Amino acid sequence: MKNLSIALGSMLALAALMGMAAALNPLSDSDWDYDPDMDGLTNLDEFLAGSDPNNWDTDGDGLPDGWEVDNSLDPTDPLDAEDDNDYF
């Protein structure tokens, strides 16, 4: 149980630091639910995916981060753009 508490505390601390780094209030649900780059991913989704909440295309491959997540691609990997088999 102690290890679980330490792990949870570490995760919350990391989330708080990431929130501060992205100018978010880690204690405010509305900040986590916001989608400033309008790519279809909330700030929480962007945090979990490791993508940039202020850039609709974190990896610069021309595909919106939200579309990549919805289609099981990595929004931080520019090389997986061809994994969608559309040949573009």
N, C-alpha and C. Protein backbone atom coordinates (compact mmCIF):
# COMPACT_ATOMS: atom_id res chain seq x y z
N MET A 1 0.82 -1.19 0.00
CA MET A 1 0.00 0.00 0.00
C MET A 1 0.87 1.25 0.00
N LYS A 2 2.01 1.18 0.71
CA LYS A 2 2.90 2.34 0.76
C LYS A 2 3.46 2.65 -0.63
N ASN A 3 3.83 1.61 -1.39
CA ASN A 3 4.35 1.82 -2.75
C ASN A 3 3.30 2.45 -3.65
N LEU A 4 2.04 2.04 -3.49
CA LEU A 4 0.96 2.62 -4.28
C LEU A 4 0.81 4.10 -3.95
N SER A 5 0.89 4.45 -2.68
CA SER A 5 0.77 5.85 -2.27
C SER A 5 1.92 6.67 -2.83
N ILE A 6 3.12 6.12 -2.82
CA ILE A 6 4.27 6.82 -3.37
C ILE A 6 4.11 7.00 -4.87
N ALA A 7 3.68 5.96 -5.56
CA ALA A 7 3.49 6.05 -7.01
C ALA A 7 2.41 7.07 -7.35
N LEU A 8 1.31 7.04 -6.63
CA LEU A 8 0.24 8.00 -6.88
C LEU A 8 0.70 9.42 -6.60
N GLY A 9 1.43 9.60 -5.51
CA GLY A 9 1.97 10.93 -5.20
C GLY A 9 2.92 11.41 -6.27
N SER A 10 3.75 10.53 -6.79
CA SER A 10 4.68 10.89 -7.86
C SER A 10 3.94 11.26 -9.13
N MET A 11 2.89 10.50 -9.46
CA MET A 11 2.10 10.81 -10.66
C MET A 11 1.41 12.15 -10.52
N LEU A 12 0.86 12.44 -9.35
CA LEU A 12 0.20 13.73 -9.13
C LEU A 12 1.20 14.87 -9.19
N ALA A 13 2.39 14.66 -8.65
CA ALA A 13 3.42 15.69 -8.70
C ALA A 13 3.83 15.95 -10.15
N LEU A 14 4.01 14.89 -10.92
CA LEU A 14 4.36 15.04 -12.33
C LEU A 14 3.25 15.76 -13.09
N ALA A 15 2.02 15.39 -12.84
CA ALA A 15 0.89 16.06 -13.49
C ALA A 15 0.85 17.53 -13.12
N ALA A 16 1.12 17.84 -11.88
CA ALA A 16 1.13 19.24 -11.44
C ALA A 16 2.23 20.01 -12.15
N LEU A 17 3.42 19.41 -12.26
CA LEU A 17 4.51 20.08 -12.96
C LEU A 17 4.20 20.28 -14.43
N MET A 18 3.64 19.26 -15.06
CA MET A 18 3.27 19.38 -16.48
C MET A 18 2.20 20.44 -16.66
N GLY A 19 1.27 20.50 -15.75
CA GLY A 19 0.23 21.51 -15.82
C GLY A 19 0.80 22.90 -15.70
N MET A 20 1.74 23.09 -14.79
CA MET A 20 2.36 24.39 -14.64
C MET A 20 3.16 24.74 -15.88
N ALA A 21 3.85 23.75 -16.45
CA ALA A 21 4.65 23.99 -17.65
C ALA A 21 3.78 24.41 -18.81
N ALA A 22 2.58 23.93 -18.87
CA ALA A 22 1.66 24.27 -19.96
C ALA A 22 0.73 25.42 -19.57
N ALA A 23 1.03 26.10 -18.46
CA ALA A 23 0.24 27.22 -17.96
C ALA A 23 -1.19 26.80 -17.65
N LEU A 24 -1.32 25.60 -17.10
CA LEU A 24 -2.63 25.09 -16.70
C LEU A 24 -2.69 25.01 -15.19
N ASN A 25 -3.89 25.08 -14.68
CA ASN A 25 -4.10 24.86 -13.26
C ASN A 25 -4.37 23.37 -13.07
N PRO A 26 -3.44 22.64 -12.47
CA PRO A 26 -3.64 21.19 -12.34
C PRO A 26 -4.81 20.81 -11.44
N LEU A 27 -5.33 21.76 -10.69
CA LEU A 27 -6.46 21.48 -9.81
C LEU A 27 -7.79 21.85 -10.44
N SER A 28 -7.77 22.39 -11.65
CA SER A 28 -8.99 22.84 -12.31
C SER A 28 -9.38 21.89 -13.44
N ASP A 29 -10.55 21.27 -13.30
CA ASP A 29 -11.03 20.38 -14.36
C ASP A 29 -11.23 21.12 -15.67
N SER A 30 -11.63 22.39 -15.61
CA SER A 30 -11.91 23.12 -16.84
C SER A 30 -10.64 23.31 -17.67
N ASP A 31 -9.49 23.49 -17.04
CA ASP A 31 -8.24 23.60 -17.79
C ASP A 31 -7.90 22.28 -18.48
N TRP A 32 -8.12 21.16 -17.80
CA TRP A 32 -7.80 19.87 -18.37
C TRP A 32 -8.75 19.50 -19.51
N ASP A 33 -9.97 20.04 -19.48
CA ASP A 33 -10.97 19.74 -20.51
C ASP A 33 -10.90 20.68 -21.70
N TYR A 34 -10.07 21.69 -21.64
CA TYR A 34 -9.96 22.70 -22.70
C TYR A 34 -9.13 22.15 -23.87
N ASP A 35 -9.42 22.62 -25.07
CA ASP A 35 -8.70 22.20 -26.28
C ASP A 35 -8.22 23.46 -27.02
N PRO A 36 -7.13 24.09 -26.55
CA PRO A 36 -6.70 25.37 -27.12
C PRO A 36 -6.29 25.32 -28.58
N ASP A 37 -5.78 24.19 -29.06
CA ASP A 37 -5.35 24.11 -30.46
C ASP A 37 -6.43 23.53 -31.37
N MET A 38 -7.58 23.19 -30.79
CA MET A 38 -8.75 22.71 -31.52
C MET A 38 -8.44 21.50 -32.42
N ASP A 39 -7.63 20.59 -31.91
CA ASP A 39 -7.29 19.39 -32.67
C ASP A 39 -8.14 18.19 -32.28
N GLY A 40 -9.08 18.39 -31.37
CA GLY A 40 -9.95 17.30 -30.94
C GLY A 40 -9.48 16.61 -29.68
N LEU A 41 -8.32 17.00 -29.15
CA LEU A 41 -7.81 16.42 -27.91
C LEU A 41 -7.86 17.48 -26.81
N THR A 42 -8.38 17.09 -25.65
CA THR A 42 -8.35 18.01 -24.51
C THR A 42 -6.92 18.10 -23.99
N ASN A 43 -6.69 19.07 -23.12
CA ASN A 43 -5.37 19.18 -22.51
C ASN A 43 -4.98 17.90 -21.78
N LEU A 44 -5.94 17.25 -21.14
CA LEU A 44 -5.64 15.98 -20.47
C LEU A 44 -5.25 14.92 -21.50
N ASP A 45 -5.99 14.84 -22.61
CA ASP A 45 -5.64 13.89 -23.67
C ASP A 45 -4.24 14.16 -24.21
N GLU A 46 -3.93 15.45 -24.41
CA GLU A 46 -2.61 15.83 -24.93
C GLU A 46 -1.52 15.41 -23.93
N PHE A 47 -1.78 15.63 -22.64
CA PHE A 47 -0.82 15.24 -21.61
C PHE A 47 -0.57 13.74 -21.65
N LEU A 48 -1.64 12.97 -21.74
CA LEU A 48 -1.51 11.51 -21.76
C LEU A 48 -0.81 11.01 -23.02
N ALA A 49 -1.01 11.71 -24.15
CA ALA A 49 -0.39 11.31 -25.42
C ALA A 49 1.03 11.86 -25.56
N GLY A 50 1.40 12.81 -24.70
CA GLY A 50 2.72 13.42 -24.80
C GLY A 50 2.81 14.47 -25.89
N SER A 51 1.66 14.94 -26.37
CA SER A 51 1.64 15.93 -27.44
C SER A 51 1.51 17.34 -26.88
N ASP A 52 1.66 18.33 -27.75
CA ASP A 52 1.65 19.74 -27.37
C ASP A 52 0.23 20.27 -27.40
N PRO A 53 -0.32 20.73 -26.27
CA PRO A 53 -1.69 21.21 -26.25
C PRO A 53 -1.90 22.52 -27.01
N ASN A 54 -0.81 23.16 -27.42
CA ASN A 54 -0.92 24.41 -28.16
C ASN A 54 -0.54 24.28 -29.63
N ASN A 55 -0.38 23.05 -30.09
CA ASN A 55 -0.01 22.81 -31.49
C ASN A 55 -0.89 21.68 -32.03
N TRP A 56 -1.72 21.96 -33.01
CA TRP A 56 -2.66 20.96 -33.52
C TRP A 56 -1.95 19.78 -34.17
N ASP A 57 -0.68 19.96 -34.56
CA ASP A 57 0.09 18.90 -35.22
C ASP A 57 1.47 18.83 -34.56
N THR A 58 1.54 18.20 -33.42
CA THR A 58 2.77 18.16 -32.62
C THR A 58 3.97 17.67 -33.40
N ASP A 59 3.80 16.61 -34.19
CA ASP A 59 4.95 16.02 -34.89
C ASP A 59 5.18 16.61 -36.28
N GLY A 60 4.34 17.54 -36.72
CA GLY A 60 4.57 18.23 -37.99
C GLY A 60 4.36 17.39 -39.23
N ASP A 61 3.58 16.31 -39.12
CA ASP A 61 3.37 15.44 -40.28
C ASP A 61 2.12 15.81 -41.09
N GLY A 62 1.45 16.88 -40.71
CA GLY A 62 0.27 17.33 -41.45
C GLY A 62 -1.03 16.71 -40.99
N LEU A 63 -0.97 15.79 -40.04
CA LEU A 63 -2.17 15.15 -39.50
C LEU A 63 -2.47 15.71 -38.12
N PRO A 64 -3.70 16.14 -37.86
CA PRO A 64 -4.04 16.67 -36.53
C PRO A 64 -3.83 15.62 -35.45
N ASP A 65 -3.36 16.06 -34.31
CA ASP A 65 -3.10 15.14 -33.19
C ASP A 65 -4.33 14.31 -32.85
N GLY A 66 -5.50 14.93 -32.81
CA GLY A 66 -6.72 14.21 -32.48
C GLY A 66 -7.02 13.10 -33.48
N TRP A 67 -6.81 13.37 -34.75
CA TRP A 67 -7.04 12.36 -35.78
C TRP A 67 -6.07 11.20 -35.59
N GLU A 68 -4.81 11.53 -35.30
CA GLU A 68 -3.82 10.47 -35.11
C GLU A 68 -4.19 9.56 -33.94
N VAL A 69 -4.59 10.16 -32.82
CA VAL A 69 -4.98 9.36 -31.65
C VAL A 69 -6.20 8.51 -31.98
N ASP A 70 -7.19 9.10 -32.66
CA ASP A 70 -8.41 8.35 -33.04
C ASP A 70 -8.11 7.18 -33.96
N ASN A 71 -7.02 7.27 -34.72
CA ASN A 71 -6.67 6.23 -35.68
C ASN A 71 -5.46 5.41 -35.25
N SER A 72 -5.22 5.38 -33.96
CA SER A 72 -4.15 4.56 -33.35
C SER A 72 -2.76 4.89 -33.86
N LEU A 73 -2.53 6.15 -34.21
CA LEU A 73 -1.19 6.61 -34.57
C LEU A 73 -0.62 7.41 -33.41
N ASP A 74 0.66 7.68 -33.43
CA ASP A 74 1.33 8.43 -32.38
C ASP A 74 1.45 9.89 -32.80
N PRO A 75 0.81 10.82 -32.08
CA PRO A 75 0.86 12.22 -32.47
C PRO A 75 2.24 12.86 -32.28
N THR A 76 3.19 12.12 -31.73
CA THR A 76 4.54 12.65 -31.55
C THR A 76 5.54 12.01 -32.51
N ASP A 77 5.08 11.15 -33.41
CA ASP A 77 5.97 10.44 -34.33
C ASP A 77 5.65 10.83 -35.77
N PRO A 78 6.49 11.66 -36.40
CA PRO A 78 6.20 12.09 -37.77
C PRO A 78 6.31 10.96 -38.79
N LEU A 79 6.97 9.88 -38.44
CA LEU A 79 7.16 8.79 -39.39
C LEU A 79 5.97 7.85 -39.49
N ASP A 80 5.03 7.95 -38.55
CA ASP A 80 3.88 7.04 -38.62
C ASP A 80 2.75 7.58 -39.49
N ALA A 81 2.96 8.70 -40.14
CA ALA A 81 1.93 9.27 -41.01
C ALA A 81 1.58 8.31 -42.14
N GLU A 82 2.52 7.52 -42.58
CA GLU A 82 2.26 6.57 -43.65
C GLU A 82 1.63 5.27 -43.16
N ASP A 83 1.56 5.09 -41.85
CA ASP A 83 0.94 3.89 -41.30
C ASP A 83 -0.56 3.84 -41.51
N ASP A 84 -1.16 4.96 -41.98
CA ASP A 84 -2.61 4.98 -42.18
C ASP A 84 -3.00 4.43 -43.55
N ASN A 85 -2.01 4.06 -44.38
CA ASN A 85 -2.23 3.44 -45.69
C ASN A 85 -3.05 4.26 -46.67
N ASP A 86 -2.97 5.61 -46.56
CA ASP A 86 -3.67 6.42 -47.55
C ASP A 86 -2.71 6.91 -48.64
N TYR A 87 -1.43 6.57 -48.52
CA TYR A 87 -0.39 6.86 -49.51
C TYR A 87 -0.17 8.34 -49.74
N PHE A 88 -0.45 9.15 -48.73
CA PHE A 88 -0.14 10.59 -48.80
C PHE A 88 0.86 10.94 -47.76
